[in-house]
Amino acid sequence: MLICFSAVGGTEYLLPFFLQDACGFPSSVAGLALTAIPLGMAVVGPISGAVSDRIGSALPWGIGLAVYAVGISFTGSLPTTAPLAWIVAGMLVMAVGMGLFQSPNNSLVMGSVGCEHLGFAGSVVSLVRYLGMSVGVTGGTALLYGHMSALAGRPIASYAEGGVELFSQGFAFTFYVFGALSVVGVVLTVLAARSRLRR
């Protein structure tokens, strides 16, 4: 959960800058495009929750992280000249992956404790979610400007200092890192599921 929400925090923090500063879309268009993420999660989340109640959490959880990794990598690979529909499609894939992951994950966590500990478990879930997003925002910013600085051979601390080309390369690098991090989450999910089966 920490891994997934780190990726969520980092990618969703940087997407508005990509849409407005790099691609040049007006704020109204960028804001409307970003609604693809919560709308996609709102549709997929209840379905994945119902499926996980029937077949268990591990499979939809792992598939969700894998789909999320694909969505992140696809979105990060898009050039600034990409049509808005492609960018929205990438965000929708991210949303589907996140929706597949989040409901089964919550079900697994809350179902692993007794009724007397549900309040504590819920608070831990919230803590890990917000901790992950905080780490993601901080880490995503550091990765973006760190990569831009490395490419430019000088310190860069803002979009204006690097321009579109450097920002695009830093954006892609950051998204690839978060995509790889999500793949690590998939591997950990598979290992955990195998461990439970052996018991």
N, C-alpha and C. Protein backbone atom coordinates (compact mmCIF):
# COMPACT_ATOMS: atom_id res chain seq x y z
N MET A 1 0.82 -1.20 0.00
CA MET A 1 0.00 0.00 0.00
C MET A 1 0.87 1.26 0.00
N LEU A 2 1.95 1.22 0.76
CA LEU A 2 2.87 2.35 0.80
C LEU A 2 3.49 2.57 -0.58
N ILE A 3 3.88 1.49 -1.24
CA ILE A 3 4.46 1.59 -2.58
C ILE A 3 3.46 2.20 -3.56
N CYS A 4 2.24 1.69 -3.54
CA CYS A 4 1.23 2.14 -4.50
C CYS A 4 0.89 3.61 -4.30
N PHE A 5 0.70 4.03 -3.05
CA PHE A 5 0.31 5.41 -2.81
C PHE A 5 1.48 6.39 -2.97
N SER A 6 2.69 5.88 -2.88
CA SER A 6 3.84 6.72 -3.24
C SER A 6 3.78 7.05 -4.73
N ALA A 7 3.47 6.03 -5.53
CA ALA A 7 3.33 6.26 -6.96
C ALA A 7 2.17 7.19 -7.26
N VAL A 8 1.06 7.01 -6.55
CA VAL A 8 -0.11 7.88 -6.75
C VAL A 8 0.25 9.33 -6.44
N GLY A 9 0.89 9.55 -5.28
CA GLY A 9 1.24 10.91 -4.89
C GLY A 9 2.16 11.58 -5.89
N GLY A 10 3.20 10.86 -6.32
CA GLY A 10 4.17 11.44 -7.25
C GLY A 10 3.60 11.73 -8.62
N THR A 11 2.85 10.77 -9.17
CA THR A 11 2.34 10.94 -10.54
C THR A 11 1.23 11.97 -10.60
N GLU A 12 0.31 11.93 -9.65
CA GLU A 12 -0.82 12.86 -9.70
C GLU A 12 -0.39 14.28 -9.36
N TYR A 13 0.70 14.43 -8.63
CA TYR A 13 1.22 15.76 -8.35
C TYR A 13 1.83 16.39 -9.61
N LEU A 14 2.49 15.56 -10.42
CA LEU A 14 3.20 16.08 -11.58
C LEU A 14 2.32 16.22 -12.83
N LEU A 15 1.24 15.48 -12.89
CA LEU A 15 0.40 15.51 -14.10
C LEU A 15 -0.13 16.91 -14.45
N PRO A 16 -0.61 17.71 -13.50
CA PRO A 16 -1.08 19.05 -13.89
C PRO A 16 0.01 19.91 -14.53
N PHE A 17 1.25 19.78 -14.04
CA PHE A 17 2.35 20.55 -14.62
C PHE A 17 2.63 20.07 -16.05
N PHE A 18 2.54 18.77 -16.26
CA PHE A 18 2.74 18.22 -17.60
C PHE A 18 1.67 18.74 -18.55
N LEU A 19 0.42 18.70 -18.10
CA LEU A 19 -0.69 19.10 -18.96
C LEU A 19 -0.65 20.60 -19.28
N GLN A 20 -0.40 21.42 -18.26
CA GLN A 20 -0.46 22.86 -18.47
C GLN A 20 0.85 23.46 -18.98
N ASP A 21 1.94 23.18 -18.28
CA ASP A 21 3.21 23.83 -18.63
C ASP A 21 3.87 23.21 -19.86
N ALA A 22 3.91 21.88 -19.90
CA ALA A 22 4.62 21.21 -21.00
C ALA A 22 3.75 21.10 -22.25
N CYS A 23 2.50 20.66 -22.06
CA CYS A 23 1.63 20.45 -23.23
C CYS A 23 0.90 21.72 -23.65
N GLY A 24 0.78 22.67 -22.74
CA GLY A 24 0.16 23.94 -23.09
C GLY A 24 -1.35 23.98 -23.03
N PHE A 25 -1.98 23.00 -22.39
CA PHE A 25 -3.44 23.03 -22.27
C PHE A 25 -3.86 24.07 -21.24
N PRO A 26 -4.96 24.76 -21.46
CA PRO A 26 -5.44 25.70 -20.44
C PRO A 26 -5.86 24.97 -19.17
N SER A 27 -5.88 25.69 -18.07
CA SER A 27 -6.17 25.07 -16.77
C SER A 27 -7.53 24.39 -16.75
N SER A 28 -8.50 24.95 -17.45
CA SER A 28 -9.84 24.34 -17.46
C SER A 28 -9.81 22.98 -18.15
N VAL A 29 -9.08 22.88 -19.25
CA VAL A 29 -8.97 21.61 -19.97
C VAL A 29 -8.18 20.60 -19.16
N ALA A 30 -7.07 21.06 -18.55
CA ALA A 30 -6.25 20.17 -17.74
C ALA A 30 -7.05 19.63 -16.55
N GLY A 31 -7.80 20.52 -15.89
CA GLY A 31 -8.61 20.09 -14.76
C GLY A 31 -9.67 19.09 -15.16
N LEU A 32 -10.30 19.32 -16.30
CA LEU A 32 -11.32 18.39 -16.79
C LEU A 32 -10.70 17.04 -17.14
N ALA A 33 -9.52 17.06 -17.76
CA ALA A 33 -8.84 15.81 -18.12
C ALA A 33 -8.48 15.00 -16.88
N LEU A 34 -8.07 15.68 -15.83
CA LEU A 34 -7.65 14.99 -14.60
C LEU A 34 -8.80 14.29 -13.89
N THR A 35 -10.05 14.67 -14.22
CA THR A 35 -11.18 13.98 -13.60
C THR A 35 -11.29 12.53 -14.08
N ALA A 36 -10.53 12.19 -15.13
CA ALA A 36 -10.54 10.80 -15.61
C ALA A 36 -10.09 9.85 -14.51
N ILE A 37 -9.19 10.30 -13.65
CA ILE A 37 -8.65 9.42 -12.61
C ILE A 37 -9.71 9.09 -11.55
N PRO A 38 -10.32 10.08 -10.88
CA PRO A 38 -11.34 9.71 -9.89
C PRO A 38 -12.57 9.04 -10.49
N LEU A 39 -12.94 9.43 -11.72
CA LEU A 39 -14.10 8.81 -12.35
C LEU A 39 -13.83 7.32 -12.65
N GLY A 40 -12.63 7.05 -13.18
CA GLY A 40 -12.26 5.66 -13.45
C GLY A 40 -12.22 4.82 -12.20
N MET A 41 -11.67 5.38 -11.12
CA MET A 41 -11.62 4.66 -9.85
C MET A 41 -13.01 4.44 -9.28
N ALA A 42 -13.90 5.43 -9.45
CA ALA A 42 -15.26 5.31 -8.93
C ALA A 42 -16.02 4.18 -9.62
N VAL A 43 -15.73 3.95 -10.90
CA VAL A 43 -16.41 2.89 -11.64
C VAL A 43 -15.82 1.52 -11.30
N VAL A 44 -14.49 1.44 -11.30
CA VAL A 44 -13.82 0.14 -11.14
C VAL A 44 -13.77 -0.32 -9.68
N GLY A 45 -13.63 0.63 -8.73
CA GLY A 45 -13.47 0.26 -7.33
C GLY A 45 -14.54 -0.67 -6.78
N PRO A 46 -15.82 -0.33 -6.91
CA PRO A 46 -16.86 -1.22 -6.39
C PRO A 46 -16.86 -2.60 -7.06
N ILE A 47 -16.56 -2.62 -8.36
CA ILE A 47 -16.53 -3.90 -9.07
C ILE A 47 -15.40 -4.77 -8.54
N SER A 48 -14.21 -4.19 -8.38
CA SER A 48 -13.07 -4.98 -7.88
C SER A 48 -13.31 -5.43 -6.45
N GLY A 49 -14.01 -4.59 -5.65
CA GLY A 49 -14.34 -4.99 -4.29
C GLY A 49 -15.25 -6.20 -4.28
N ALA A 50 -16.27 -6.19 -5.16
CA ALA A 50 -17.19 -7.33 -5.23
C ALA A 50 -16.48 -8.59 -5.71
N VAL A 51 -15.59 -8.43 -6.70
CA VAL A 51 -14.83 -9.58 -7.20
C VAL A 51 -13.93 -10.15 -6.13
N SER A 52 -13.26 -9.29 -5.37
CA SER A 52 -12.35 -9.76 -4.32
C SER A 52 -13.09 -10.49 -3.21
N ASP A 53 -14.36 -10.12 -2.98
CA ASP A 53 -15.16 -10.84 -1.98
C ASP A 53 -15.42 -12.27 -2.42
N ARG A 54 -15.43 -12.49 -3.73
CA ARG A 54 -15.71 -13.83 -4.26
C ARG A 54 -14.46 -14.68 -4.42
N ILE A 55 -13.38 -14.06 -4.90
CA ILE A 55 -12.21 -14.88 -5.26
C ILE A 55 -10.99 -14.59 -4.39
N GLY A 56 -11.10 -13.65 -3.47
CA GLY A 56 -9.95 -13.27 -2.65
C GLY A 56 -9.30 -12.00 -3.17
N SER A 57 -8.43 -11.44 -2.36
CA SER A 57 -7.87 -10.12 -2.66
C SER A 57 -6.61 -10.17 -3.52
N ALA A 58 -5.83 -11.24 -3.42
CA ALA A 58 -4.50 -11.25 -4.01
C ALA A 58 -4.51 -11.04 -5.53
N LEU A 59 -5.40 -11.74 -6.24
CA LEU A 59 -5.39 -11.68 -7.71
C LEU A 59 -5.78 -10.29 -8.22
N PRO A 60 -6.95 -9.73 -7.81
CA PRO A 60 -7.26 -8.38 -8.30
C PRO A 60 -6.26 -7.33 -7.83
N TRP A 61 -5.73 -7.51 -6.65
CA TRP A 61 -4.73 -6.59 -6.11
C TRP A 61 -3.48 -6.59 -7.01
N GLY A 62 -2.96 -7.80 -7.30
CA GLY A 62 -1.76 -7.91 -8.14
C GLY A 62 -2.00 -7.42 -9.55
N ILE A 63 -3.16 -7.79 -10.14
CA ILE A 63 -3.48 -7.33 -11.49
C ILE A 63 -3.61 -5.81 -11.51
N GLY A 64 -4.22 -5.26 -10.46
CA GLY A 64 -4.39 -3.81 -10.38
C GLY A 64 -3.06 -3.08 -10.38
N LEU A 65 -2.11 -3.56 -9.59
CA LEU A 65 -0.79 -2.93 -9.57
C LEU A 65 -0.08 -3.05 -10.92
N ALA A 66 -0.24 -4.22 -11.58
CA ALA A 66 0.38 -4.41 -12.89
C ALA A 66 -0.22 -3.44 -13.92
N VAL A 67 -1.55 -3.32 -13.91
CA VAL A 67 -2.22 -2.39 -14.83
C VAL A 67 -1.80 -0.96 -14.52
N TYR A 68 -1.69 -0.65 -13.24
CA TYR A 68 -1.27 0.70 -12.84
C TYR A 68 0.14 1.00 -13.35
N ALA A 69 1.03 0.01 -13.25
CA ALA A 69 2.41 0.19 -13.74
C ALA A 69 2.41 0.46 -15.25
N VAL A 70 1.56 -0.26 -15.99
CA VAL A 70 1.46 -0.05 -17.44
C VAL A 70 0.94 1.36 -17.73
N GLY A 71 -0.08 1.79 -16.99
CA GLY A 71 -0.64 3.12 -17.19
C GLY A 71 0.35 4.22 -16.91
N ILE A 72 1.12 4.06 -15.83
CA ILE A 72 2.14 5.06 -15.49
C ILE A 72 3.19 5.13 -16.59
N SER A 73 3.68 3.97 -17.03
CA SER A 73 4.74 3.94 -18.04
C SER A 73 4.25 4.50 -19.36
N PHE A 74 3.01 4.18 -19.74
CA PHE A 74 2.46 4.70 -20.99
C PHE A 74 2.32 6.22 -20.92
N THR A 75 1.76 6.71 -19.83
CA THR A 75 1.57 8.16 -19.69
C THR A 75 2.90 8.89 -19.67
N GLY A 76 3.88 8.31 -18.98
CA GLY A 76 5.20 8.94 -18.91
C GLY A 76 5.92 8.97 -20.24
N SER A 77 5.58 8.05 -21.13
CA SER A 77 6.26 7.99 -22.43
C SER A 77 5.67 8.94 -23.47
N LEU A 78 4.54 9.56 -23.15
CA LEU A 78 3.88 10.41 -24.13
C LEU A 78 4.65 11.71 -24.35
N PRO A 79 4.78 12.14 -25.60
CA PRO A 79 5.43 13.44 -25.87
C PRO A 79 4.48 14.58 -25.55
N THR A 80 5.01 15.77 -25.46
CA THR A 80 4.18 16.94 -25.16
C THR A 80 3.23 17.28 -26.31
N THR A 81 3.48 16.70 -27.47
CA THR A 81 2.61 16.94 -28.63
C THR A 81 1.50 15.89 -28.75
N ALA A 82 1.42 14.98 -27.78
CA ALA A 82 0.43 13.92 -27.85
C ALA A 82 -0.98 14.49 -27.76
N PRO A 83 -1.93 13.91 -28.49
CA PRO A 83 -3.32 14.36 -28.38
C PRO A 83 -3.84 14.19 -26.95
N LEU A 84 -4.73 15.05 -26.56
CA LEU A 84 -5.29 14.97 -25.22
C LEU A 84 -5.95 13.62 -24.97
N ALA A 85 -6.55 13.04 -26.00
CA ALA A 85 -7.22 11.74 -25.84
C ALA A 85 -6.24 10.66 -25.40
N TRP A 86 -5.02 10.69 -25.90
CA TRP A 86 -4.02 9.71 -25.50
C TRP A 86 -3.64 9.89 -24.04
N ILE A 87 -3.49 11.13 -23.63
CA ILE A 87 -3.13 11.40 -22.23
C ILE A 87 -4.25 10.95 -21.31
N VAL A 88 -5.47 11.25 -21.68
CA VAL A 88 -6.62 10.82 -20.88
C VAL A 88 -6.70 9.30 -20.84
N ALA A 89 -6.41 8.65 -21.97
CA ALA A 89 -6.42 7.19 -22.02
C ALA A 89 -5.39 6.62 -21.04
N GLY A 90 -4.20 7.22 -21.00
CA GLY A 90 -3.18 6.77 -20.06
C GLY A 90 -3.62 6.94 -18.62
N MET A 91 -4.27 8.07 -18.33
CA MET A 91 -4.76 8.30 -16.97
C MET A 91 -5.89 7.34 -16.61
N LEU A 92 -6.71 6.98 -17.60
CA LEU A 92 -7.78 6.02 -17.35
C LEU A 92 -7.21 4.63 -17.02
N VAL A 93 -6.14 4.24 -17.72
CA VAL A 93 -5.49 2.97 -17.40
C VAL A 93 -4.94 3.01 -15.97
N MET A 94 -4.34 4.12 -15.60
CA MET A 94 -3.87 4.30 -14.23
C MET A 94 -5.03 4.17 -13.24
N ALA A 95 -6.16 4.80 -13.57
CA ALA A 95 -7.32 4.78 -12.69
C ALA A 95 -7.89 3.37 -12.54
N VAL A 96 -7.93 2.63 -13.64
CA VAL A 96 -8.41 1.25 -13.59
C VAL A 96 -7.51 0.41 -12.69
N GLY A 97 -6.20 0.57 -12.86
CA GLY A 97 -5.27 -0.17 -12.02
C GLY A 97 -5.42 0.17 -10.55
N MET A 98 -5.56 1.45 -10.27
CA MET A 98 -5.72 1.89 -8.89
C MET A 98 -7.03 1.39 -8.30
N GLY A 99 -8.09 1.43 -9.10
CA GLY A 99 -9.38 0.93 -8.64
C GLY A 99 -9.36 -0.55 -8.36
N LEU A 100 -8.66 -1.31 -9.21
CA LEU A 100 -8.51 -2.76 -8.99
C LEU A 100 -7.72 -3.05 -7.73
N PHE A 101 -6.77 -2.18 -7.42
CA PHE A 101 -5.90 -2.41 -6.26
C PHE A 101 -6.54 -2.01 -4.94
N GLN A 102 -7.15 -0.84 -4.89
CA GLN A 102 -7.48 -0.22 -3.60
C GLN A 102 -8.55 -0.97 -2.82
N SER A 103 -9.65 -1.34 -3.45
CA SER A 103 -10.73 -2.02 -2.72
C SER A 103 -10.30 -3.37 -2.16
N PRO A 104 -9.67 -4.26 -2.97
CA PRO A 104 -9.19 -5.51 -2.41
C PRO A 104 -8.14 -5.32 -1.31
N ASN A 105 -7.31 -4.30 -1.47
CA ASN A 105 -6.29 -4.02 -0.46
C ASN A 105 -6.94 -3.65 0.86
N ASN A 106 -7.91 -2.75 0.82
CA ASN A 106 -8.61 -2.36 2.05
C ASN A 106 -9.32 -3.55 2.67
N SER A 107 -9.95 -4.37 1.82
CA SER A 107 -10.65 -5.56 2.30
C SER A 107 -9.70 -6.52 2.99
N LEU A 108 -8.52 -6.71 2.39
CA LEU A 108 -7.53 -7.62 2.96
C LEU A 108 -7.04 -7.13 4.32
N VAL A 109 -6.74 -5.84 4.40
CA VAL A 109 -6.24 -5.28 5.66
C VAL A 109 -7.30 -5.36 6.75
N MET A 110 -8.51 -4.90 6.44
CA MET A 110 -9.56 -4.87 7.45
C MET A 110 -10.03 -6.28 7.83
N GLY A 111 -9.92 -7.21 6.88
CA GLY A 111 -10.33 -8.58 7.16
C GLY A 111 -9.29 -9.40 7.92
N SER A 112 -8.10 -8.84 8.08
CA SER A 112 -7.03 -9.60 8.75
C SER A 112 -6.97 -9.34 10.25
N VAL A 113 -7.89 -8.50 10.77
CA VAL A 113 -7.90 -8.20 12.20
C VAL A 113 -9.28 -8.49 12.77
N GLY A 114 -9.34 -8.68 14.08
CA GLY A 114 -10.61 -8.90 14.74
C GLY A 114 -11.44 -7.63 14.83
N CYS A 115 -12.72 -7.80 15.14
CA CYS A 115 -13.63 -6.64 15.20
C CYS A 115 -13.16 -5.59 16.20
N GLU A 116 -12.51 -6.06 17.28
CA GLU A 116 -12.08 -5.11 18.30
C GLU A 116 -10.91 -4.24 17.85
N HIS A 117 -10.29 -4.61 16.74
CA HIS A 117 -9.13 -3.84 16.25
C HIS A 117 -9.41 -3.10 14.94
N LEU A 118 -10.67 -3.06 14.51
CA LEU A 118 -10.99 -2.43 13.23
C LEU A 118 -10.67 -0.94 13.22
N GLY A 119 -10.94 -0.26 14.32
CA GLY A 119 -10.63 1.17 14.40
C GLY A 119 -9.15 1.44 14.26
N PHE A 120 -8.34 0.63 14.94
CA PHE A 120 -6.89 0.79 14.84
C PHE A 120 -6.40 0.48 13.42
N ALA A 121 -6.94 -0.60 12.84
CA ALA A 121 -6.53 -0.97 11.48
C ALA A 121 -6.89 0.12 10.49
N GLY A 122 -8.08 0.70 10.65
CA GLY A 122 -8.49 1.78 9.76
C GLY A 122 -7.58 2.99 9.86
N SER A 123 -7.14 3.29 11.08
CA SER A 123 -6.24 4.44 11.25
C SER A 123 -4.88 4.15 10.63
N VAL A 124 -4.42 2.90 10.71
CA VAL A 124 -3.14 2.54 10.09
C VAL A 124 -3.24 2.63 8.57
N VAL A 125 -4.38 2.19 8.02
CA VAL A 125 -4.59 2.30 6.57
C VAL A 125 -4.50 3.77 6.13
N SER A 126 -5.17 4.65 6.87
CA SER A 126 -5.12 6.08 6.54
C SER A 126 -3.71 6.63 6.67
N LEU A 127 -3.01 6.22 7.73
CA LEU A 127 -1.64 6.68 7.93
C LEU A 127 -0.74 6.28 6.77
N VAL A 128 -0.82 5.01 6.38
CA VAL A 128 0.04 4.52 5.30
C VAL A 128 -0.32 5.19 3.97
N ARG A 129 -1.61 5.41 3.74
CA ARG A 129 -2.05 6.08 2.51
C ARG A 129 -1.44 7.48 2.40
N TYR A 130 -1.61 8.27 3.46
CA TYR A 130 -1.12 9.66 3.40
C TYR A 130 0.40 9.73 3.50
N LEU A 131 1.00 8.80 4.22
CA LEU A 131 2.46 8.75 4.27
C LEU A 131 3.01 8.44 2.88
N GLY A 132 2.39 7.47 2.20
CA GLY A 132 2.82 7.12 0.85
C GLY A 132 2.69 8.29 -0.11
N MET A 133 1.57 9.00 -0.04
CA MET A 133 1.38 10.15 -0.94
C MET A 133 2.38 11.26 -0.64
N SER A 134 2.69 11.46 0.64
CA SER A 134 3.69 12.48 0.99
C SER A 134 5.06 12.10 0.46
N VAL A 135 5.42 10.83 0.64
CA VAL A 135 6.70 10.34 0.12
C VAL A 135 6.73 10.47 -1.40
N GLY A 136 5.60 10.17 -2.04
CA GLY A 136 5.54 10.24 -3.50
C GLY A 136 5.72 11.65 -4.03
N VAL A 137 5.05 12.61 -3.40
CA VAL A 137 5.17 14.01 -3.84
C VAL A 137 6.61 14.48 -3.68
N THR A 138 7.20 14.19 -2.51
CA THR A 138 8.58 14.60 -2.25
C THR A 138 9.55 13.89 -3.18
N GLY A 139 9.38 12.57 -3.27
CA GLY A 139 10.28 11.78 -4.12
C GLY A 139 10.13 12.10 -5.59
N GLY A 140 8.88 12.32 -6.04
CA GLY A 140 8.65 12.64 -7.44
C GLY A 140 9.28 13.96 -7.83
N THR A 141 9.16 14.95 -6.96
CA THR A 141 9.77 16.25 -7.22
C THR A 141 11.30 16.13 -7.27
N ALA A 142 11.85 15.37 -6.31
CA ALA A 142 13.31 15.18 -6.27
C ALA A 142 13.80 14.45 -7.52
N LEU A 143 13.06 13.42 -7.95
CA LEU A 143 13.45 12.69 -9.15
C LEU A 143 13.37 13.57 -10.39
N LEU A 144 12.30 14.33 -10.49
CA LEU A 144 12.11 15.21 -11.66
C LEU A 144 13.24 16.21 -11.79
N TYR A 145 13.44 17.01 -10.75
CA TYR A 145 14.45 18.07 -10.84
C TYR A 145 15.87 17.52 -10.74
N GLY A 146 16.03 16.39 -10.06
CA GLY A 146 17.35 15.75 -10.03
C GLY A 146 17.77 15.29 -11.41
N HIS A 147 16.82 14.68 -12.13
CA HIS A 147 17.14 14.20 -13.49
C HIS A 147 17.33 15.37 -14.44
N MET A 148 16.50 16.40 -14.31
CA MET A 148 16.68 17.58 -15.15
C MET A 148 18.03 18.24 -14.90
N SER A 149 18.44 18.30 -13.63
CA SER A 149 19.74 18.89 -13.29
C SER A 149 20.88 18.07 -13.86
N ALA A 150 20.75 16.73 -13.77
CA ALA A 150 21.79 15.85 -14.30
C ALA A 150 21.94 16.01 -15.80
N LEU A 151 20.82 16.12 -16.51
CA LEU A 151 20.88 16.28 -17.96
C LEU A 151 21.45 17.64 -18.36
N ALA A 152 21.10 18.67 -17.59
CA ALA A 152 21.56 20.02 -17.93
C ALA A 152 22.98 20.29 -17.45
N GLY A 153 23.46 19.51 -16.49
CA GLY A 153 24.79 19.74 -15.94
C GLY A 153 24.85 20.93 -15.00
N ARG A 154 23.71 21.33 -14.50
CA ARG A 154 23.64 22.45 -13.56
C ARG A 154 22.38 22.28 -12.72
N PRO A 155 22.34 22.89 -11.54
CA PRO A 155 21.15 22.74 -10.70
C PRO A 155 19.92 23.40 -11.33
N ILE A 156 18.83 22.66 -11.34
CA ILE A 156 17.56 23.19 -11.84
C ILE A 156 16.50 22.96 -10.77
N ALA A 157 15.80 24.02 -10.41
CA ALA A 157 14.82 23.91 -9.33
C ALA A 157 13.43 24.37 -9.74
N SER A 158 13.24 24.65 -11.03
CA SER A 158 11.91 25.05 -11.49
C SER A 158 11.75 24.71 -12.96
N TYR A 159 10.50 24.65 -13.39
CA TYR A 159 10.21 24.36 -14.79
C TYR A 159 10.83 25.42 -15.70
N ALA A 160 10.74 26.67 -15.30
CA ALA A 160 11.22 27.78 -16.14
C ALA A 160 12.71 27.68 -16.44
N GLU A 161 13.47 27.12 -15.49
CA GLU A 161 14.92 27.02 -15.69
C GLU A 161 15.29 25.94 -16.69
N GLY A 162 14.42 24.93 -16.84
CA GLY A 162 14.76 23.81 -17.72
C GLY A 162 14.08 23.84 -19.07
N GLY A 163 12.87 24.37 -19.12
CA GLY A 163 12.13 24.40 -20.37
C GLY A 163 11.44 23.08 -20.66
N VAL A 164 10.72 23.06 -21.77
CA VAL A 164 9.86 21.92 -22.10
C VAL A 164 10.66 20.64 -22.30
N GLU A 165 11.75 20.72 -23.04
CA GLU A 165 12.50 19.50 -23.39
C GLU A 165 13.05 18.81 -22.15
N LEU A 166 13.71 19.56 -21.29
CA LEU A 166 14.26 18.96 -20.08
C LEU A 166 13.15 18.46 -19.17
N PHE A 167 12.07 19.23 -19.05
CA PHE A 167 10.96 18.80 -18.21
C PHE A 167 10.38 17.48 -18.72
N SER A 168 10.21 17.35 -20.02
CA SER A 168 9.64 16.13 -20.60
C SER A 168 10.50 14.92 -20.28
N GLN A 169 11.82 15.09 -20.37
CA GLN A 169 12.71 13.97 -20.07
C GLN A 169 12.69 13.63 -18.58
N GLY A 170 12.65 14.65 -17.73
CA GLY A 170 12.56 14.41 -16.30
C GLY A 170 11.24 13.79 -15.92
N PHE A 171 10.16 14.23 -16.57
CA PHE A 171 8.82 13.69 -16.33
C PHE A 171 8.77 12.21 -16.68
N ALA A 172 9.29 11.87 -17.87
CA ALA A 172 9.30 10.47 -18.30
C ALA A 172 10.12 9.61 -17.34
N PHE A 173 11.30 10.09 -16.96
CA PHE A 173 12.15 9.34 -16.04
C PHE A 173 11.43 9.08 -14.72
N THR A 174 10.78 10.11 -14.17
CA THR A 174 10.08 9.98 -12.90
C THR A 174 8.94 8.97 -13.00
N PHE A 175 8.19 9.01 -14.07
CA PHE A 175 7.09 8.08 -14.25
C PHE A 175 7.60 6.64 -14.43
N TYR A 176 8.71 6.47 -15.12
CA TYR A 176 9.27 5.14 -15.27
C TYR A 176 9.72 4.57 -13.92
N VAL A 177 10.28 5.43 -13.08
CA VAL A 177 10.69 4.97 -11.74
C VAL A 177 9.48 4.53 -10.94
N PHE A 178 8.41 5.31 -10.98
CA PHE A 178 7.20 4.93 -10.24
C PHE A 178 6.55 3.69 -10.85
N GLY A 179 6.65 3.54 -12.16
CA GLY A 179 6.15 2.32 -12.79
C GLY A 179 6.93 1.10 -12.32
N ALA A 180 8.25 1.23 -12.24
CA ALA A 180 9.09 0.13 -11.75
C ALA A 180 8.77 -0.17 -10.29
N LEU A 181 8.51 0.87 -9.51
CA LEU A 181 8.15 0.69 -8.11
C LEU A 181 6.85 -0.10 -7.99
N SER A 182 5.90 0.17 -8.87
CA SER A 182 4.64 -0.58 -8.87
C SER A 182 4.87 -2.04 -9.23
N VAL A 183 5.81 -2.30 -10.14
CA VAL A 183 6.15 -3.69 -10.49
C VAL A 183 6.73 -4.40 -9.27
N VAL A 184 7.53 -3.70 -8.48
CA VAL A 184 8.04 -4.28 -7.22
C VAL A 184 6.86 -4.67 -6.33
N GLY A 185 5.83 -3.81 -6.29
CA GLY A 185 4.63 -4.13 -5.53
C GLY A 185 3.95 -5.39 -6.03
N VAL A 186 3.92 -5.59 -7.36
CA VAL A 186 3.34 -6.80 -7.93
C VAL A 186 4.12 -8.03 -7.47
N VAL A 187 5.45 -7.94 -7.53
CA VAL A 187 6.29 -9.06 -7.11
C VAL A 187 6.06 -9.40 -5.64
N LEU A 188 5.99 -8.38 -4.80
CA LEU A 188 5.74 -8.61 -3.37
C LEU A 188 4.37 -9.24 -3.14
N THR A 189 3.38 -8.83 -3.93
CA THR A 189 2.04 -9.40 -3.83
C THR A 189 2.06 -10.88 -4.18
N VAL A 190 2.75 -11.23 -5.26
CA VAL A 190 2.85 -12.63 -5.68
C VAL A 190 3.54 -13.46 -4.61
N LEU A 191 4.63 -12.93 -4.07
CA LEU A 191 5.36 -13.66 -3.03
C LEU A 191 4.51 -13.87 -1.78
N ALA A 192 3.75 -12.83 -1.41
CA ALA A 192 2.88 -12.93 -0.24
C ALA A 192 1.78 -13.96 -0.47
N ALA A 193 1.19 -13.97 -1.69
CA ALA A 193 0.14 -14.92 -2.01
C ALA A 193 0.68 -16.36 -1.98
N ARG A 194 1.86 -16.57 -2.53
CA ARG A 194 2.48 -17.90 -2.49
C ARG A 194 2.75 -18.33 -1.08
N SER A 195 3.19 -17.42 -0.25
CA SER A 195 3.47 -17.73 1.15
C SER A 195 2.21 -18.17 1.88
N ARG A 196 1.09 -17.49 1.60
CA ARG A 196 -0.18 -17.86 2.25
C ARG A 196 -0.66 -19.22 1.78
N LEU A 197 -0.46 -19.52 0.47
CA LEU A 197 -0.88 -20.80 -0.06
C LEU A 197 -0.10 -21.96 0.57
N ARG A 198 1.17 -21.74 0.85
CA ARG A 198 1.98 -22.79 1.46
C ARG A 198 1.55 -23.12 2.88
N ARG A 199 0.95 -22.13 3.54
CA ARG A 199 0.46 -22.37 4.90
C ARG A 199 -0.80 -23.22 4.89
